[in-house]
Each structure stands twice: as structure tokens, then as C-alpha cells.
Amino acid sequence: MNQMKIHMIESAIDSYSEIYPCVGRESFDECFTVYDGKLHFWFNTADRTTHLLSERL
């Protein structure tokens, strides 16, 4: 997993404490999408809501 992905996962943990891969995903590595010049990280939190972090590539 590259440094940008690791940074985004760490940022999500700092903000939400507990995070999980989205439903149907086995790992966080499967929760990333590249679209419109950005890296998007989708994840769920303990309250079962989905969140998105994005960073420009």
C-alpha cells in the first residue's frame, strides 16, 4: 500500500477512532478509487455510516 493510502487511513482513524472497510470489501486496500484526478478513500465507522476522504493526486 502506498504512502498516500496509509496517510488517508491514518487520518480517518484520527478523526473517527474506529473505521472498517465498506460492506463487501475485505480490506482497506479495496476501498480506494481514483477519479477526477483525486484518490478517494471510502470507509465505514462504528455507527455504520460511510465516509469519504479525498486527496488530489
N, C-alpha and C. Protein backbone atom coordinates (compact mmCIF):
# COMPACT_ATOMS: atom_id res chain seq x y z
N MET A 1 0.85 -1.17 0.00
CA MET A 1 0.00 0.00 0.00
C MET A 1 0.90 1.24 0.00
N ASN A 2 0.59 2.20 -0.82
CA ASN A 2 1.50 3.35 -0.92
C ASN A 2 1.28 4.35 0.22
N GLN A 3 2.19 5.27 0.32
CA GLN A 3 2.21 6.24 1.42
C GLN A 3 0.94 7.11 1.48
N MET A 4 0.41 7.50 0.34
CA MET A 4 -0.79 8.34 0.32
C MET A 4 -1.97 7.57 0.93
N LYS A 5 -2.10 6.31 0.58
CA LYS A 5 -3.19 5.50 1.14
C LYS A 5 -3.02 5.33 2.65
N ILE A 6 -1.81 5.06 3.08
CA ILE A 6 -1.54 4.91 4.51
C ILE A 6 -1.89 6.20 5.25
N HIS A 7 -1.49 7.33 4.69
CA HIS A 7 -1.80 8.63 5.31
C HIS A 7 -3.31 8.84 5.42
N MET A 8 -4.06 8.48 4.39
CA MET A 8 -5.51 8.67 4.41
C MET A 8 -6.16 7.75 5.45
N ILE A 9 -5.69 6.53 5.57
CA ILE A 9 -6.22 5.61 6.58
C ILE A 9 -5.93 6.16 7.98
N GLU A 10 -4.71 6.62 8.19
CA GLU A 10 -4.34 7.20 9.50
C GLU A 10 -5.17 8.44 9.82
N SER A 11 -5.44 9.27 8.83
CA SER A 11 -6.28 10.46 9.03
C SER A 11 -7.70 10.08 9.43
N ALA A 12 -8.22 9.05 8.78
CA ALA A 12 -9.57 8.58 9.11
C ALA A 12 -9.62 8.04 10.53
N ILE A 13 -8.61 7.29 10.94
CA ILE A 13 -8.55 6.76 12.31
C ILE A 13 -8.44 7.91 13.31
N ASP A 14 -7.63 8.92 13.01
CA ASP A 14 -7.51 10.08 13.89
C ASP A 14 -8.85 10.79 14.06
N SER A 15 -9.64 10.85 13.00
CA SER A 15 -10.92 11.57 13.04
C SER A 15 -12.05 10.75 13.65
N TYR A 16 -12.07 9.44 13.38
CA TYR A 16 -13.23 8.63 13.75
C TYR A 16 -12.92 7.48 14.72
N SER A 17 -11.70 7.31 15.12
CA SER A 17 -11.25 6.24 16.04
C SER A 17 -11.38 4.84 15.45
N GLU A 18 -12.60 4.39 15.23
CA GLU A 18 -12.82 3.05 14.67
C GLU A 18 -13.31 3.17 13.24
N ILE A 19 -12.58 2.56 12.31
CA ILE A 19 -13.03 2.54 10.92
C ILE A 19 -12.95 1.11 10.41
N TYR A 20 -13.77 0.83 9.39
CA TYR A 20 -13.86 -0.50 8.82
C TYR A 20 -13.99 -0.38 7.31
N PRO A 21 -13.57 -1.42 6.57
CA PRO A 21 -13.82 -1.41 5.13
C PRO A 21 -15.33 -1.36 4.86
N CYS A 22 -15.70 -0.77 3.75
CA CYS A 22 -17.11 -0.74 3.37
C CYS A 22 -17.63 -2.16 3.18
N VAL A 23 -18.94 -2.30 3.30
CA VAL A 23 -19.58 -3.61 3.15
C VAL A 23 -19.18 -4.23 1.82
N GLY A 24 -18.83 -5.49 1.86
CA GLY A 24 -18.43 -6.20 0.65
C GLY A 24 -16.96 -6.12 0.34
N ARG A 25 -16.22 -5.35 1.11
CA ARG A 25 -14.77 -5.22 0.91
C ARG A 25 -14.05 -5.99 2.00
N GLU A 26 -12.99 -6.65 1.64
CA GLU A 26 -12.22 -7.46 2.59
C GLU A 26 -11.14 -6.65 3.31
N SER A 27 -10.62 -5.61 2.66
CA SER A 27 -9.52 -4.84 3.24
C SER A 27 -9.65 -3.37 2.84
N PHE A 28 -8.91 -2.53 3.55
CA PHE A 28 -8.93 -1.11 3.20
C PHE A 28 -8.36 -0.86 1.80
N ASP A 29 -7.45 -1.70 1.36
CA ASP A 29 -6.87 -1.50 0.03
C ASP A 29 -7.94 -1.55 -1.06
N GLU A 30 -9.04 -2.23 -0.80
CA GLU A 30 -10.14 -2.31 -1.76
C GLU A 30 -11.08 -1.11 -1.69
N CYS A 31 -10.82 -0.20 -0.77
CA CYS A 31 -11.72 0.93 -0.52
C CYS A 31 -11.25 2.23 -1.18
N PHE A 32 -10.33 2.13 -2.11
CA PHE A 32 -9.80 3.31 -2.79
C PHE A 32 -10.24 3.34 -4.24
N THR A 33 -10.52 4.56 -4.72
CA THR A 33 -10.91 4.78 -6.10
C THR A 33 -10.17 6.01 -6.60
N VAL A 34 -9.69 5.97 -7.82
CA VAL A 34 -9.11 7.15 -8.45
C VAL A 34 -10.14 7.70 -9.42
N TYR A 35 -10.49 8.97 -9.24
CA TYR A 35 -11.47 9.61 -10.11
C TYR A 35 -11.21 11.11 -10.13
N ASP A 36 -11.25 11.67 -11.31
CA ASP A 36 -11.15 13.12 -11.50
C ASP A 36 -9.89 13.71 -10.86
N GLY A 37 -8.78 13.00 -11.01
CA GLY A 37 -7.50 13.49 -10.51
C GLY A 37 -7.34 13.41 -9.00
N LYS A 38 -8.21 12.64 -8.34
CA LYS A 38 -8.13 12.52 -6.89
C LYS A 38 -8.14 11.04 -6.49
N LEU A 39 -7.55 10.78 -5.33
CA LEU A 39 -7.64 9.46 -4.71
C LEU A 39 -8.72 9.56 -3.65
N HIS A 40 -9.73 8.70 -3.74
CA HIS A 40 -10.86 8.70 -2.82
C HIS A 40 -10.78 7.45 -1.94
N PHE A 41 -11.00 7.64 -0.65
CA PHE A 41 -10.99 6.55 0.31
C PHE A 41 -12.35 6.46 0.97
N TRP A 42 -13.06 5.35 0.72
CA TRP A 42 -14.38 5.09 1.29
C TRP A 42 -14.21 4.14 2.46
N PHE A 43 -14.89 4.44 3.57
CA PHE A 43 -14.80 3.57 4.74
C PHE A 43 -16.05 3.75 5.60
N ASN A 44 -16.30 2.79 6.47
CA ASN A 44 -17.41 2.86 7.41
C ASN A 44 -16.88 3.11 8.81
N THR A 45 -17.76 3.67 9.65
CA THR A 45 -17.42 3.90 11.05
C THR A 45 -18.29 3.00 11.93
N ALA A 46 -18.04 3.05 13.23
CA ALA A 46 -18.75 2.17 14.17
C ALA A 46 -20.26 2.36 14.13
N ASP A 47 -20.73 3.54 13.75
CA ASP A 47 -22.18 3.78 13.67
C ASP A 47 -22.78 3.35 12.34
N ARG A 48 -21.99 2.64 11.55
CA ARG A 48 -22.40 2.05 10.26
C ARG A 48 -22.67 3.08 9.17
N THR A 49 -22.06 4.25 9.28
CA THR A 49 -22.18 5.23 8.21
C THR A 49 -20.93 5.19 7.34
N THR A 50 -21.09 5.55 6.10
CA THR A 50 -19.99 5.56 5.14
C THR A 50 -19.45 6.97 5.03
N HIS A 51 -18.13 7.07 4.98
CA HIS A 51 -17.45 8.37 4.88
C HIS A 51 -16.48 8.33 3.70
N LEU A 52 -16.09 9.50 3.26
CA LEU A 52 -15.19 9.63 2.13
C LEU A 52 -14.12 10.68 2.44
N LEU A 53 -12.87 10.31 2.21
CA LEU A 53 -11.76 11.26 2.23
C LEU A 53 -11.19 11.31 0.82
N SER A 54 -10.80 12.49 0.37
CA SER A 54 -10.22 12.64 -0.96
C SER A 54 -8.97 13.50 -0.90
N GLU A 55 -8.01 13.13 -1.73
CA GLU A 55 -6.78 13.91 -1.86
C GLU A 55 -6.41 14.00 -3.34
N ARG A 56 -5.98 15.17 -3.74
CA ARG A 56 -5.57 15.37 -5.14
C ARG A 56 -4.29 14.62 -5.39
N LEU A 57 -4.22 13.97 -6.54
CA LEU A 57 -3.02 13.21 -6.94
C LEU A 57 -1.97 14.15 -7.50
